Amino acid sequence: MALRAAIATIFMQTKILLVDDETRLRNLLARLLRLEEYEVLEAENIQSGLTLLQLHPTIKVVLLDVRLPDGNGLETVPKVKQINPSAEILLLTAYGTIPDSVQAIKNGAFDYLVKGDDNDKIITLVSKAVEKANLQFRIRELENQVSEKLISLEDIQGESPAILKAKELARKVSHTDTTVLLIGETGTGKELFAQAIHRESNRRTKTFLAINCGAFSRELLESELFGHRAGAFTGATKDKKGLFEEANGGTLFLDEMGEMSLDLQAKLLRVLENREFFRVGDTKPTQVNVRIIAATNRDLLKESQEGHFRADLYYRLSVFQMDLPPLRERLSDLPILAQGLAQSLSRRLRIPFQTIEPDFLKQLSQHNWPGNIRELRNVIERALILSDTGLLKAETLPFHTQNQSIDSFELSVIEQQHIRKVLQHTKGNKTEAARLLGIGLTTLYRKIEEYQLNE
């Protein structure tokens, strides 16, 4: 009895819309559905049915007559889906034909029923339609939750001309499906802009996924992106979807694109041009509809000229290129950025925060910020931890931001100094250093070798 009561409670929450102008038949179907503990809403024509659908967004299934006084149910299916994409539709008719049945499914209906079929068949089909609708509603709910967690353009703080220009470009390109290439130093907020572009786009209710191409070996990156078939390699015991399939209909953000191997670049180019790819170990192509946003802190044009990056892929990626300004070129944004970071970190760390004192901001403005906003976040977090009163003062800043003197303004020298300091801070732990720097472990090893930091 307890189980039956629980099931009844679930069904009571399930709304069914019944649209039919034959009063006797509509009343009969409504009674049958109510006996199954469904909540039934009734309408005698298309217009009143669509009105009820708008007033009750949780309707799971629509039973829709084909011949109604104010229109054709078959032609109304797309309108129902437009109002409630997650609802399932069962079409009812007294004269079933195969062409009509095929057209109903093409229009988006769940199934096609002939009036007079036994009641058990109708109840079974409604039950299956409810099951599918519940899944669709749950998927939509999860997608909306993910979308709400993503950064919006309004969340990207700053009023400097450089950041306002970047936000305006992002707003314009977001309403298209154009591939975007984000160029900027480490820590300039490339993933935040990618999230914002996705959230502003018509793909906002679909999946946004991100991957750092520099954090994986060539073989592992291929499997992560494209998936694999069971038996494709040792340890591949079952089929696995790659990120392209997981992000189908949505957006895939490829960070550190410059670290991708040339053969994987060729596979990516195929996806961009043909919207298809091969899983590792598969012989049949998989079709996808994914928007690509790529990012790099390297000069891909120069890399392509030197043969380290495919020129055809570079031109395909850079249809719409955005250059994100480093923090040293938008120092006027420091007060608002520091305030916003202090408030959010205070909540996350459960540490009190009162205000930022002028000497603290003065010291921040004198720093060159080779790690950009990511470095600023780390500095603010450290200052909050060291502050006993919630006041951020100059003495709570790390040593390298106080009265610093940089002998060279060359970016490579600044980068070298910063990496060395981070490695010293982590006592040589390269995995932790890569995390703090916001780069892939492969990139860090390349930088260490390039700057001879092991010596």
Protein backbone atom coordinates (compact mmCIF):
# COMPACT_ATOMS: atom_id res chain seq x y z
CA MET A 1 0.00 0.00 0.00
CA ALA A 2 2.84 2.37 0.82
CA LEU A 3 4.41 1.75 -2.58
CA ARG A 4 1.09 2.37 -4.33
CA ALA A 5 0.62 5.61 -2.40
CA ALA A 6 4.11 6.75 -3.38
CA ILE A 7 3.43 6.00 -7.04
CA ALA A 8 0.10 7.82 -6.82
CA THR A 9 1.83 10.86 -5.35
CA ILE A 10 4.26 10.94 -8.26
CA PHE A 11 1.47 10.64 -10.83
CA MET A 12 -0.56 13.37 -9.15
CA GLN A 13 2.28 15.71 -10.02
CA THR A 14 2.07 14.75 -13.71
CA LYS A 15 -0.12 17.03 -15.82
CA ILE A 16 -1.73 15.81 -19.05
CA LEU A 17 -3.39 18.15 -21.55
CA LEU A 18 -6.25 16.66 -23.57
CA VAL A 19 -7.39 18.63 -26.64
CA ASP A 20 -10.45 17.21 -28.42
CA ASP A 21 -13.74 18.76 -29.57
CA GLU A 22 -15.75 15.54 -29.11
CA THR A 23 -17.06 16.07 -25.59
CA ARG A 24 -18.09 12.47 -24.93
CA LEU A 25 -14.77 10.98 -26.01
CA ARG A 26 -12.78 13.68 -24.23
CA ASN A 27 -14.65 13.03 -20.99
CA LEU A 28 -14.06 9.27 -21.34
CA LEU A 29 -10.30 9.68 -21.91
CA ALA A 30 -10.03 12.21 -19.10
CA ARG A 31 -11.76 9.79 -16.71
CA LEU A 32 -9.41 6.94 -17.69
CA LEU A 33 -6.34 9.11 -17.16
CA ARG A 34 -7.57 10.40 -13.82
CA LEU A 35 -8.08 6.80 -12.68
CA GLU A 36 -4.34 6.40 -13.32
CA GLU A 37 -3.77 9.35 -10.94
CA TYR A 38 -2.81 11.86 -13.67
CA GLU A 39 -3.93 15.47 -13.42
CA VAL A 40 -5.88 16.17 -16.62
CA LEU A 41 -6.51 19.57 -18.20
CA GLU A 42 -9.13 19.72 -20.99
CA ALA A 43 -9.56 21.93 -24.05
CA GLU A 44 -12.00 21.74 -26.96
CA ASN A 45 -9.93 23.59 -29.55
CA ILE A 46 -6.35 24.45 -30.48
CA GLN A 47 -6.40 28.04 -29.21
CA SER A 48 -7.62 27.16 -25.72
CA GLY A 49 -5.19 24.22 -25.65
CA LEU A 50 -2.22 26.44 -26.44
CA THR A 51 -3.37 28.92 -23.80
CA LEU A 52 -3.47 26.16 -21.17
CA LEU A 53 -0.02 25.01 -22.29
CA GLN A 54 1.36 28.50 -21.67
CA LEU A 55 -0.34 28.75 -18.28
CA HIS A 56 0.93 25.33 -17.16
CA PRO A 57 4.62 24.95 -18.16
CA THR A 58 4.86 21.61 -16.29
CA ILE A 59 2.47 19.78 -18.64
CA LYS A 60 4.28 16.56 -19.58
CA VAL A 61 2.05 15.05 -22.29
CA VAL A 62 -0.42 16.53 -24.78
CA LEU A 63 -3.11 14.32 -26.34
CA LEU A 64 -4.09 16.26 -29.44
CA ASP A 65 -6.92 15.55 -31.87
CA VAL A 66 -5.97 15.90 -35.55
CA ARG A 67 -9.25 17.45 -36.71
CA LEU A 68 -10.30 20.41 -34.58
CA PRO A 69 -12.67 23.36 -35.27
CA ASP A 70 -9.88 25.95 -35.50
CA GLY A 71 -7.13 23.99 -37.19
CA ASN A 72 -5.18 20.78 -37.83
CA GLY A 73 -3.54 18.99 -34.91
CA LEU A 74 -0.77 17.67 -37.15
CA GLU A 75 0.23 21.23 -38.05
CA THR A 76 -0.07 22.32 -34.40
CA VAL A 77 2.68 19.96 -33.16
CA PRO A 78 5.52 22.47 -33.87
CA LYS A 79 3.59 25.20 -32.00
CA VAL A 80 3.26 22.94 -28.95
CA LYS A 81 6.99 22.17 -29.10
CA GLN A 82 7.78 25.86 -29.38
CA ILE A 83 5.87 26.61 -26.17
CA ASN A 84 7.09 23.53 -24.28
CA PRO A 85 10.00 21.71 -25.98
CA SER A 86 10.11 19.01 -23.28
CA ALA A 87 6.45 17.95 -23.56
CA GLU A 88 5.57 14.82 -25.55
CA ILE A 89 2.61 14.78 -27.98
CA LEU A 90 0.22 11.93 -28.82
CA LEU A 91 -1.97 12.64 -31.85
CA LEU A 92 -5.53 11.27 -31.92
CA THR A 93 -7.56 10.65 -35.07
CA ALA A 94 -10.54 8.66 -36.22
CA TYR A 95 -8.88 7.92 -39.58
CA GLY A 96 -5.31 6.71 -39.25
CA THR A 97 -3.11 6.59 -42.35
CA ILE A 98 0.55 5.65 -42.74
CA PRO A 99 1.53 8.99 -44.40
CA ASP A 100 -0.11 10.92 -41.54
CA SER A 101 1.66 8.73 -39.01
CA VAL A 102 5.04 9.35 -40.63
CA GLN A 103 4.40 13.11 -40.86
CA ALA A 104 3.34 13.22 -37.20
CA ILE A 105 6.65 11.71 -36.07
CA LYS A 106 8.59 14.05 -38.38
CA ASN A 107 6.80 17.04 -36.84
CA GLY A 108 7.94 15.96 -33.39
CA ALA A 109 5.03 13.87 -32.09
CA PHE A 110 5.76 10.96 -29.75
CA ASP A 111 3.20 8.69 -31.43
CA TYR A 112 -0.04 8.54 -33.43
CA LEU A 113 -3.19 6.88 -32.06
CA VAL A 114 -6.42 5.85 -33.78
CA LYS A 115 -9.54 6.56 -31.72
CA GLY A 116 -11.26 3.39 -30.61
CA ASP A 117 -8.02 1.51 -29.86
CA ASP A 118 -8.25 -0.39 -26.58
CA ASN A 119 -7.76 1.65 -23.44
CA ASP A 120 -4.76 -0.35 -22.22
CA LYS A 121 -2.82 0.67 -25.33
CA ILE A 122 -3.59 4.35 -24.72
CA ILE A 123 -2.57 4.17 -21.06
CA THR A 124 0.65 2.32 -21.93
CA LEU A 125 1.59 4.91 -24.55
CA VAL A 126 0.81 7.78 -22.19
CA SER A 127 2.99 6.15 -19.55
CA LYS A 128 5.90 5.82 -21.98
CA ALA A 129 5.42 9.42 -23.13
CA VAL A 130 5.44 10.63 -19.51
CA GLU A 131 8.65 8.68 -18.87
CA LYS A 132 10.36 10.32 -21.84
CA ALA A 133 9.01 13.77 -20.92
CA ASN A 134 10.30 13.40 -17.35
CA LEU A 135 13.76 12.69 -18.74
CA GLN A 136 13.56 15.72 -21.06
CA PHE A 137 12.42 17.98 -18.22
CA ARG A 138 15.28 16.73 -16.03
CA ILE A 139 17.85 17.30 -18.77
CA ARG A 140 16.52 20.80 -19.37
CA GLU A 141 16.62 21.52 -15.63
CA LEU A 142 20.25 20.39 -15.40
CA GLU A 143 21.19 22.41 -18.49
CA ASN A 144 19.59 25.51 -16.99
CA GLN A 145 21.46 24.94 -13.72
CA VAL A 146 24.74 24.70 -15.65
CA SER A 147 23.89 27.81 -17.64
CA GLU A 148 23.14 29.76 -14.44
CA LYS A 149 26.57 28.80 -13.04
CA LEU A 150 28.38 30.16 -16.09
CA ILE A 151 29.85 33.63 -16.12
CA SER A 152 27.87 36.29 -18.00
CA LEU A 153 29.33 39.36 -19.69
CA GLU A 154 27.89 41.45 -16.84
CA ASP A 155 29.95 39.36 -14.40
CA ILE A 156 33.19 40.34 -16.13
CA GLN A 157 34.24 43.40 -14.15
CA GLY A 158 36.02 46.49 -15.39
CA GLU A 159 35.31 49.86 -17.00
CA SER A 160 38.60 50.46 -18.84
CA PRO A 161 38.32 51.06 -22.61
CA ALA A 162 40.23 47.84 -23.32
CA ILE A 163 37.88 45.56 -21.39
CA LEU A 164 34.74 47.37 -22.59
CA LYS A 165 35.87 46.83 -26.19
CA ALA A 166 36.47 43.12 -25.52
CA LYS A 167 33.02 42.74 -23.93
CA GLU A 168 31.34 44.49 -26.86
CA LEU A 169 33.08 42.17 -29.35
CA ALA A 170 32.03 39.17 -27.27
CA ARG A 171 28.43 40.35 -27.20
CA LYS A 172 28.33 40.74 -30.99
CA VAL A 173 29.87 37.35 -31.81
CA SER A 174 27.85 35.48 -29.18
CA HIS A 175 24.67 35.68 -31.27
CA THR A 176 26.31 33.76 -34.11
CA ASP A 177 27.78 30.26 -34.42
CA THR A 178 31.11 31.64 -35.63
CA THR A 179 34.29 30.00 -34.33
CA VAL A 180 36.15 32.33 -31.94
CA LEU A 181 39.87 32.50 -31.16
CA LEU A 182 40.73 34.19 -27.87
CA ILE A 183 44.28 35.55 -27.69
CA GLY A 184 45.78 36.63 -24.41
CA GLU A 185 48.40 36.05 -21.78
CA THR A 186 47.92 33.48 -19.05
CA GLY A 187 45.36 34.68 -16.51
CA THR A 188 43.58 37.27 -18.66
CA GLY A 189 40.21 35.50 -18.35
CA LYS A 190 39.95 33.60 -21.62
CA GLU A 191 37.73 30.86 -20.17
CA LEU A 192 35.49 33.47 -18.53
CA PHE A 193 34.95 35.12 -21.91
CA ALA A 194 34.28 31.72 -23.50
CA GLN A 195 31.61 31.01 -20.85
CA ALA A 196 30.06 34.44 -21.35
CA ILE A 197 29.91 34.03 -25.13
CA HIS A 198 28.19 30.66 -24.69
CA ARG A 199 25.73 32.04 -22.13
CA GLU A 200 24.76 34.91 -24.44
CA SER A 201 24.32 32.58 -27.45
CA ASN A 202 21.31 30.61 -28.64
CA ARG A 203 23.13 27.52 -27.35
CA ARG A 204 22.85 28.74 -23.75
CA THR A 205 20.57 25.87 -22.67
CA LYS A 206 22.98 23.30 -24.07
CA THR A 207 26.27 21.99 -22.70
CA PHE A 208 29.42 24.08 -22.24
CA LEU A 209 32.58 22.01 -21.82
CA ALA A 210 36.19 23.12 -21.45
CA ILE A 211 39.48 21.27 -21.82
CA ASN A 212 43.08 22.37 -21.45
CA CYS A 213 44.89 20.89 -24.44
CA GLY A 214 48.26 21.33 -22.74
CA ALA A 215 47.32 19.18 -19.75
CA PHE A 216 47.10 15.84 -21.64
CA SER A 217 49.40 13.62 -23.62
CA ARG A 218 48.66 13.33 -27.34
CA GLU A 219 46.96 9.91 -27.01
CA LEU A 220 44.89 10.85 -23.99
CA LEU A 221 43.80 14.16 -25.54
CA GLU A 222 42.59 12.34 -28.67
CA SER A 223 40.49 9.97 -26.57
CA GLU A 224 39.13 12.83 -24.45
CA LEU A 225 38.10 14.87 -27.49
CA PHE A 226 36.85 12.19 -29.86
CA GLY A 227 36.08 9.21 -27.64
CA HIS A 228 36.95 5.61 -28.48
CA ARG A 229 35.47 2.23 -29.29
CA ALA A 230 35.87 -0.75 -26.99
CA GLY A 231 39.12 -2.55 -27.77
CA ALA A 232 40.67 0.46 -29.55
CA PHE A 233 43.66 0.22 -27.20
CA THR A 234 44.74 -1.52 -24.02
CA GLY A 235 42.36 -0.62 -21.23
CA ALA A 236 39.52 0.47 -23.54
CA THR A 237 37.01 -2.03 -22.20
CA LYS A 238 33.90 -0.19 -23.38
CA ASP A 239 32.79 2.56 -25.76
CA LYS A 240 33.41 6.08 -24.52
CA LYS A 241 31.93 9.34 -25.76
CA GLY A 242 34.38 12.16 -26.30
CA LEU A 243 33.86 15.81 -25.43
CA PHE A 244 32.64 16.60 -28.95
CA GLU A 245 29.73 14.20 -28.52
CA GLU A 246 29.08 15.32 -24.95
CA ALA A 247 28.94 18.96 -26.10
CA ASN A 248 26.72 18.24 -29.12
CA GLY A 249 24.41 21.21 -29.64
CA GLY A 250 26.50 23.31 -27.27
CA THR A 251 29.98 24.81 -27.03
CA LEU A 252 33.44 23.28 -26.59
CA PHE A 253 36.21 25.50 -25.25
CA LEU A 254 39.72 24.41 -26.26
CA ASP A 255 42.27 26.17 -24.07
CA GLU A 256 46.00 26.24 -24.91
CA MET A 257 45.33 25.31 -28.54
CA GLY A 258 48.99 25.85 -29.39
CA GLU A 259 49.90 22.71 -27.44
CA MET A 260 47.86 20.36 -29.68
CA SER A 261 49.87 17.98 -31.89
CA LEU A 262 49.76 18.42 -35.68
CA ASP A 263 47.87 15.15 -36.33
CA LEU A 264 45.17 16.07 -33.81
CA GLN A 265 44.98 19.50 -35.42
CA ALA A 266 44.09 17.74 -38.68
CA LYS A 267 41.25 15.89 -36.93
CA LEU A 268 39.98 19.13 -35.42
CA LEU A 269 40.01 20.77 -38.84
CA ARG A 270 37.79 17.96 -40.14
CA VAL A 271 35.25 18.64 -37.38
CA LEU A 272 35.22 22.35 -38.17
CA GLU A 273 34.79 21.80 -41.90
CA ASN A 274 32.54 18.71 -42.05
CA ARG A 275 31.00 18.53 -38.57
CA GLU A 276 32.10 14.93 -38.25
CA PHE A 277 34.93 12.91 -36.72
CA PHE A 278 36.01 9.34 -36.06
CA ARG A 279 36.19 7.88 -32.58
CA VAL A 280 39.50 6.18 -31.84
CA GLY A 281 39.19 2.67 -33.30
CA ASP A 282 35.97 3.43 -35.21
CA THR A 283 35.41 3.18 -38.96
CA LYS A 284 32.16 5.14 -39.10
CA PRO A 285 32.09 8.93 -38.75
CA THR A 286 30.07 10.57 -35.98
CA GLN A 287 28.11 13.74 -36.81
CA VAL A 288 28.12 16.63 -34.34
CA ASN A 289 26.95 20.22 -34.12
CA VAL A 290 29.37 21.95 -31.76
CA ARG A 291 30.57 25.53 -31.58
CA ILE A 292 34.32 25.85 -31.02
CA ILE A 293 35.90 28.59 -28.94
CA ALA A 294 39.68 28.23 -28.83
CA ALA A 295 42.25 30.09 -26.77
CA THR A 296 46.02 30.46 -26.69
CA ASN A 297 48.75 32.61 -25.22
CA ARG A 298 51.02 31.86 -28.18
CA ASP A 299 51.37 33.59 -31.55
CA LEU A 300 49.68 30.96 -33.73
CA LEU A 301 50.36 32.86 -36.94
CA LYS A 302 54.08 32.79 -36.20
CA GLU A 303 53.81 29.15 -35.10
CA SER A 304 52.13 28.27 -38.42
CA GLN A 305 54.82 30.07 -40.39
CA GLU A 306 57.45 28.05 -38.53
CA GLY A 307 55.60 24.78 -39.19
CA HIS A 308 54.55 24.17 -35.57
CA PHE A 309 50.86 24.82 -36.18
CA ARG A 310 48.68 24.06 -39.22
CA ALA A 311 48.11 27.22 -41.23
CA ASP A 312 44.72 25.99 -42.53
CA LEU A 313 43.54 25.37 -38.97
CA TYR A 314 44.81 28.76 -37.81
CA TYR A 315 42.81 30.57 -40.50
CA ARG A 316 39.76 28.42 -39.74
CA LEU A 317 39.99 29.18 -36.02
CA SER A 318 40.71 32.89 -36.37
CA VAL A 319 37.54 33.79 -38.28
CA PHE A 320 36.77 35.99 -35.30
CA GLN A 321 39.84 36.75 -33.22
CA MET A 322 39.64 38.57 -29.89
CA ASP A 323 42.66 39.95 -28.06
CA LEU A 324 42.13 40.10 -24.31
CA PRO A 325 44.10 42.87 -22.59
CA PRO A 326 46.67 42.05 -19.88
CA LEU A 327 46.05 43.55 -16.45
CA ARG A 328 48.96 46.00 -16.78
CA GLU A 329 47.07 47.64 -19.68
CA ARG A 330 43.90 48.11 -17.59
CA LEU A 331 45.27 49.21 -14.21
CA SER A 332 42.29 51.57 -13.81
CA ASP A 333 40.21 48.42 -13.24
CA LEU A 334 42.30 47.32 -10.25
CA PRO A 335 40.03 48.85 -7.53
CA ILE A 336 36.83 47.21 -8.81
CA LEU A 337 38.58 43.90 -9.55
CA ALA A 338 40.23 43.78 -6.12
CA GLN A 339 36.94 44.66 -4.39
CA GLY A 340 34.99 42.00 -6.31
CA LEU A 341 37.61 39.31 -5.69
CA ALA A 342 37.86 40.17 -1.99
CA GLN A 343 34.08 39.90 -1.56
CA SER A 344 33.74 36.56 -3.39
CA LEU A 345 36.81 35.03 -1.72
CA SER A 346 35.60 36.23 1.68
CA ARG A 347 32.34 34.33 1.19
CA ARG A 348 34.07 31.20 -0.10
CA LEU A 349 36.78 31.13 2.57
CA ARG A 350 34.40 32.33 5.33
CA ILE A 351 36.89 35.03 6.25
CA PRO A 352 35.70 38.55 7.21
CA PHE A 353 36.33 41.40 4.79
CA GLN A 354 35.80 45.09 5.53
CA THR A 355 37.59 47.28 3.04
CA ILE A 356 40.75 47.82 0.98
CA GLU A 357 43.05 50.56 2.23
CA PRO A 358 44.61 53.09 -0.20
CA ASP A 359 48.19 51.92 0.40
CA PHE A 360 47.16 48.40 -0.61
CA LEU A 361 45.74 49.65 -3.93
CA LYS A 362 48.79 51.85 -4.47
CA GLN A 363 51.08 48.84 -4.18
CA LEU A 364 48.86 46.87 -6.55
CA SER A 365 49.07 49.63 -9.18
CA GLN A 366 52.89 49.53 -9.04
CA HIS A 367 53.06 45.82 -9.82
CA ASN A 368 53.49 44.61 -13.42
CA TRP A 369 51.13 41.60 -13.06
CA PRO A 370 52.76 38.98 -15.28
CA GLY A 371 50.14 36.48 -14.04
CA ASN A 372 47.30 38.93 -14.70
CA ILE A 373 43.93 38.46 -12.96
CA ARG A 374 44.79 34.95 -11.81
CA GLU A 375 47.80 36.36 -10.01
CA LEU A 376 45.66 39.16 -8.55
CA ARG A 377 43.22 36.59 -7.23
CA ASN A 378 46.03 34.69 -5.49
CA VAL A 379 47.36 37.94 -3.99
CA ILE A 380 43.91 38.91 -2.66
CA GLU A 381 43.34 35.42 -1.24
CA ARG A 382 46.68 35.50 0.59
CA ALA A 383 45.99 39.01 1.94
CA LEU A 384 42.58 37.95 3.28
CA ILE A 385 44.11 34.99 5.07
CA LEU A 386 46.81 37.16 6.66
CA SER A 387 44.40 39.92 7.68
CA ASP A 388 43.01 39.60 11.20
CA THR A 389 40.53 42.45 10.92
CA GLY A 390 39.28 42.15 7.34
CA LEU A 391 41.25 45.25 6.33
CA LEU A 392 43.53 44.71 3.35
CA LYS A 393 46.75 46.65 4.01
CA ALA A 394 50.05 46.89 2.14
CA GLU A 395 51.83 44.72 4.69
CA THR A 396 49.55 41.77 3.83
CA LEU A 397 50.86 41.76 0.25
CA PRO A 398 53.45 39.18 -0.82
CA PHE A 399 57.01 40.48 -0.97
CA HIS A 400 57.28 40.51 -4.76
CA THR A 401 54.50 43.12 -5.10
CA GLN A 402 56.06 45.56 -2.63
CA ASN A 403 58.55 48.14 -3.88
CA GLN A 404 59.46 45.88 -6.73
CA SER A 405 62.09 46.85 -9.24
CA ILE A 406 62.06 45.13 -12.59
CA ASP A 407 65.26 45.52 -14.56
CA SER A 408 63.64 44.64 -17.85
CA PHE A 409 60.27 45.35 -19.45
CA GLU A 410 60.57 42.39 -21.82
CA LEU A 411 57.62 40.04 -21.34
CA SER A 412 59.86 36.96 -21.51
CA VAL A 413 62.00 38.24 -18.63
CA ILE A 414 58.95 39.04 -16.50
CA GLU A 415 57.48 35.61 -17.27
CA GLN A 416 60.74 33.90 -16.37
CA GLN A 417 60.93 35.75 -13.04
CA HIS A 418 57.33 34.92 -12.23
CA ILE A 419 57.67 31.21 -13.00
CA ARG A 420 60.83 31.03 -10.89
CA LYS A 421 59.05 32.66 -7.94
CA VAL A 422 56.06 30.34 -8.21
CA LEU A 423 58.36 27.29 -8.32
CA GLN A 424 60.13 28.60 -5.24
CA HIS A 425 56.76 29.07 -3.53
CA THR A 426 55.73 25.45 -4.31
CA LYS A 427 59.20 24.14 -3.34
CA GLY A 428 59.64 22.71 -6.83
CA ASN A 429 56.23 21.02 -7.04
CA LYS A 430 55.59 21.47 -10.76
CA THR A 431 51.99 20.18 -10.70
CA GLU A 432 51.04 22.76 -8.04
CA ALA A 433 53.05 25.46 -9.85
CA ALA A 434 51.18 24.75 -13.10
CA ARG A 435 47.86 25.00 -11.23
CA LEU A 436 48.78 28.36 -9.68
CA LEU A 437 50.04 29.68 -13.01
CA GLY A 438 46.88 28.48 -14.76
CA ILE A 439 48.78 26.57 -17.45
CA GLY A 440 49.15 22.94 -18.42
CA LEU A 441 51.93 20.82 -16.96
CA THR A 442 53.33 20.27 -20.47
CA THR A 443 53.50 24.03 -21.00
CA LEU A 444 55.30 24.51 -17.67
CA TYR A 445 57.93 21.90 -18.54
CA ARG A 446 58.45 23.63 -21.92
CA LYS A 447 58.86 27.00 -20.17
CA ILE A 448 61.30 25.52 -17.63
CA GLU A 449 63.41 24.12 -20.45
CA GLU A 450 63.15 27.33 -22.48
CA TYR A 451 64.28 29.52 -19.57
CA GLN A 452 66.73 26.89 -18.22
CA LEU A 453 65.10 27.08 -14.79
CA ASN A 454 66.37 23.63 -13.77
CA GLU A 455 69.93 24.87 -13.63
